[in-house]
Amino acid sequence: MSELDVMFRDEPDWVNFGATYVGSEAFRALFKEGMMLVEETAAYLDGDGRTESRLVSRDASLAYASESMRLTTRLMQIASWLLVQRAVSEGELTPGQALEEKTRVKLNAAEAPSPMADSFSLLPLRLQELVQRSRRLHARILHLDTLIADDRPAPMAAPSPVAAQHGLLMSAFGR
């Protein structure tokens, strides 16, 4: 179906999910969860993580470096998305400006498995747990981002031109 074949309903009671969600208590809780995970991860990687990284096997040290970089990147994308959405909710950015920001800071789609996936079990348990939590949060945010990006009234198929002409003929000839 092409864009010309779709008309959007003008419903006065239609709710804009994006605008409603970013102003909600649920978003504030998600924001807090995301930022706490960023802080917790930074503290771990700068503290206990450094110590634990020195204790892993040589094979696991490359996996540790790779996973910690992927984790950091994922969390920075999450934090950027959360900050942009909060700016929209506080009126600092319009949804259009947020869309422009989205092109600068990409929220990557779900990651392909790491080439070192077999080595994941060799990593310190705390790093494994942080990676898993960040992946779950990332998946939730990807889902929300899709809902917000697709936020528009439900499409309704345009009336068929043949049906419209048929209706005119019926009314003209009394059937």
Protein backbone atom coordinates (compact mmCIF):
# COMPACT_ATOMS: atom_id res chain seq x y z
CA MET A 1 0.00 0.00 0.00
CA SER A 2 1.53 3.33 -1.01
CA GLU A 3 1.37 6.51 0.99
CA LEU A 4 -1.28 7.81 -1.41
CA ASP A 5 -3.48 4.83 -0.58
CA VAL A 6 -3.48 5.64 3.12
CA MET A 7 -5.47 8.33 4.88
CA PHE A 8 -5.13 9.07 8.55
CA ARG A 9 -8.10 9.47 10.81
CA ASP A 10 -8.74 12.81 12.42
CA GLU A 11 -9.84 11.57 15.78
CA PRO A 12 -10.10 14.24 18.48
CA ASP A 13 -9.56 11.67 21.23
CA TRP A 14 -6.44 10.15 19.65
CA VAL A 15 -3.61 9.98 22.21
CA ASN A 16 -0.04 10.76 21.19
CA PHE A 17 1.90 7.93 22.86
CA GLY A 18 5.29 9.61 22.60
CA ALA A 19 4.20 12.85 24.21
CA THR A 20 2.22 11.03 26.86
CA TYR A 21 4.92 8.48 27.65
CA VAL A 22 7.88 10.85 28.04
CA GLY A 23 5.87 12.88 30.54
CA SER A 24 4.80 9.84 32.55
CA GLU A 25 5.93 8.31 35.81
CA ALA A 26 6.87 5.18 33.85
CA PHE A 27 9.36 7.19 31.79
CA ARG A 28 10.81 8.81 34.92
CA ALA A 29 11.33 5.32 36.39
CA LEU A 30 12.95 4.12 33.16
CA PHE A 31 15.18 7.21 33.10
CA LYS A 32 16.26 6.59 36.68
CA GLU A 33 16.90 2.90 36.00
CA GLY A 34 18.98 3.70 32.92
CA MET A 35 21.08 6.37 34.57
CA MET A 36 21.64 4.22 37.66
CA LEU A 37 22.85 1.39 35.42
CA VAL A 38 25.26 3.80 33.69
CA GLU A 39 26.63 4.97 37.05
CA GLU A 40 26.81 1.44 38.46
CA THR A 41 28.67 0.19 35.39
CA ALA A 42 31.11 3.10 35.43
CA ALA A 43 31.85 2.50 39.09
CA TYR A 44 32.37 -1.21 38.46
CA LEU A 45 34.64 -0.75 35.44
CA ASP A 46 36.72 1.88 37.26
CA GLY A 47 36.88 -0.10 40.50
CA ASP A 48 36.31 -3.82 41.05
CA GLY A 49 36.24 -4.43 37.31
CA ARG A 50 39.84 -3.33 36.90
CA THR A 51 40.90 -5.74 39.59
CA GLU A 52 38.79 -8.59 38.20
CA SER A 53 40.08 -7.97 34.66
CA ARG A 54 43.63 -8.65 35.85
CA LEU A 55 42.55 -11.98 37.33
CA VAL A 56 40.91 -13.50 34.24
CA SER A 57 42.72 -15.88 31.90
CA ARG A 58 44.55 -14.61 28.85
CA ASP A 59 41.73 -15.84 26.59
CA ALA A 60 39.14 -14.12 28.74
CA SER A 61 41.05 -10.81 28.85
CA LEU A 62 40.30 -10.11 25.18
CA ALA A 63 36.65 -11.02 25.76
CA TYR A 64 36.62 -8.74 28.82
CA ALA A 65 37.97 -5.81 26.81
CA SER A 66 35.51 -6.44 23.98
CA GLU A 67 32.45 -6.86 26.20
CA SER A 68 33.29 -3.85 28.36
CA MET A 69 33.61 -1.68 25.22
CA ARG A 70 30.31 -2.98 23.84
CA LEU A 71 28.68 -2.45 27.23
CA THR A 72 29.97 1.12 27.46
CA THR A 73 28.81 1.92 23.93
CA ARG A 74 25.36 0.42 24.56
CA LEU A 75 24.96 2.39 27.79
CA MET A 76 26.02 5.66 26.16
CA GLN A 77 23.40 5.12 23.45
CA ILE A 78 20.79 4.39 26.10
CA ALA A 79 21.77 7.48 28.13
CA SER A 80 21.67 9.68 25.02
CA TRP A 81 18.20 8.41 24.08
CA LEU A 82 16.93 8.92 27.62
CA LEU A 83 18.34 12.46 27.80
CA VAL A 84 16.80 13.42 24.45
CA GLN A 85 13.40 12.05 25.51
CA ARG A 86 13.61 13.87 28.84
CA ALA A 87 14.44 17.10 26.98
CA VAL A 88 11.27 16.58 24.92
CA SER A 89 9.19 15.99 28.05
CA GLU A 90 10.56 19.16 29.66
CA GLY A 91 9.92 21.24 26.54
CA GLU A 92 13.62 21.84 25.85
CA LEU A 93 13.33 20.04 22.50
CA THR A 94 10.43 19.58 20.12
CA PRO A 95 9.71 16.08 18.82
CA GLY A 96 11.13 17.26 15.48
CA GLN A 97 14.37 18.38 17.11
CA ALA A 98 14.52 15.05 18.93
CA LEU A 99 14.29 13.32 15.58
CA GLU A 100 17.25 15.38 14.34
CA GLU A 101 19.20 14.38 17.46
CA LYS A 102 18.31 10.77 16.76
CA THR A 103 20.22 10.94 13.47
CA ARG A 104 23.33 12.14 15.34
CA VAL A 105 23.24 9.56 18.12
CA LYS A 106 22.14 6.24 16.72
CA LEU A 107 20.32 3.79 18.92
CA ASN A 108 21.67 0.65 17.29
CA ALA A 109 19.32 -2.21 16.61
CA ALA A 110 19.75 -5.37 18.62
CA GLU A 111 23.37 -6.42 18.49
CA ALA A 112 24.66 -9.42 16.65
CA PRO A 113 26.20 -11.95 19.00
CA SER A 114 29.74 -11.07 19.93
CA PRO A 115 32.42 -13.02 18.09
CA MET A 116 33.59 -13.90 21.59
CA ALA A 117 30.23 -15.25 22.74
CA ASP A 118 31.85 -18.53 23.72
CA SER A 119 34.14 -16.62 26.09
CA PHE A 120 31.26 -14.83 27.82
CA SER A 121 31.08 -17.46 30.55
CA LEU A 122 34.75 -16.82 31.34
CA LEU A 123 34.03 -13.21 32.29
CA PRO A 124 33.57 -12.10 35.89
CA LEU A 125 29.98 -12.70 37.04
CA ARG A 126 29.45 -9.03 37.85
CA LEU A 127 30.36 -7.99 34.27
CA GLN A 128 28.09 -10.71 32.87
CA GLU A 129 25.22 -9.41 35.00
CA LEU A 130 25.77 -5.79 33.90
CA VAL A 131 25.91 -6.84 30.24
CA GLN A 132 22.67 -8.82 30.56
CA ARG A 133 20.86 -5.98 32.35
CA SER A 134 22.02 -3.48 29.74
CA ARG A 135 20.82 -5.75 26.91
CA ARG A 136 17.37 -6.05 28.49
CA LEU A 137 17.15 -2.28 28.99
CA HIS A 138 18.37 -1.70 25.44
CA ALA A 139 15.67 -4.02 24.06
CA ARG A 140 12.97 -2.17 26.04
CA ILE A 141 14.22 1.19 24.77
CA LEU A 142 14.36 -0.05 21.18
CA HIS A 143 10.73 -1.12 21.53
CA LEU A 144 9.73 2.25 23.00
CA ASP A 145 11.68 4.10 20.33
CA THR A 146 9.76 2.22 17.66
CA LEU A 147 6.44 3.04 19.33
CA ILE A 148 7.34 6.72 19.61
CA ALA A 149 8.69 6.91 16.03
CA ASP A 150 5.56 5.22 14.67
CA ASP A 151 3.31 7.43 16.79
CA ARG A 152 0.53 8.53 14.49
CA PRO A 153 -3.14 7.77 14.09
CA ALA A 154 -3.94 4.33 12.78
CA PRO A 155 -4.03 4.21 8.99
CA MET A 156 -7.37 3.74 7.31
CA ALA A 157 -7.57 2.55 3.73
CA ALA A 158 -8.75 5.21 1.30
CA PRO A 159 -12.17 4.55 -0.15
CA SER A 160 -12.03 2.68 -3.42
CA PRO A 161 -12.57 4.98 -6.42
CA VAL A 162 -14.70 2.23 -7.99
CA ALA A 163 -16.86 2.01 -4.86
CA ALA A 164 -17.25 5.81 -4.82
CA GLN A 165 -18.38 5.83 -8.46
CA HIS A 166 -20.69 2.89 -7.79
CA GLY A 167 -22.23 4.81 -4.92
CA LEU A 168 -22.81 7.84 -7.15
CA LEU A 169 -24.46 5.67 -9.80
CA MET A 170 -26.66 4.01 -7.21
CA SER A 171 -27.80 7.34 -5.83
CA ALA A 172 -28.37 8.79 -9.33
CA PHE A 173 -30.43 5.86 -10.54
CA GLY A 174 -32.26 5.15 -7.35
CA ARG A 175 -31.06 1.76 -6.35
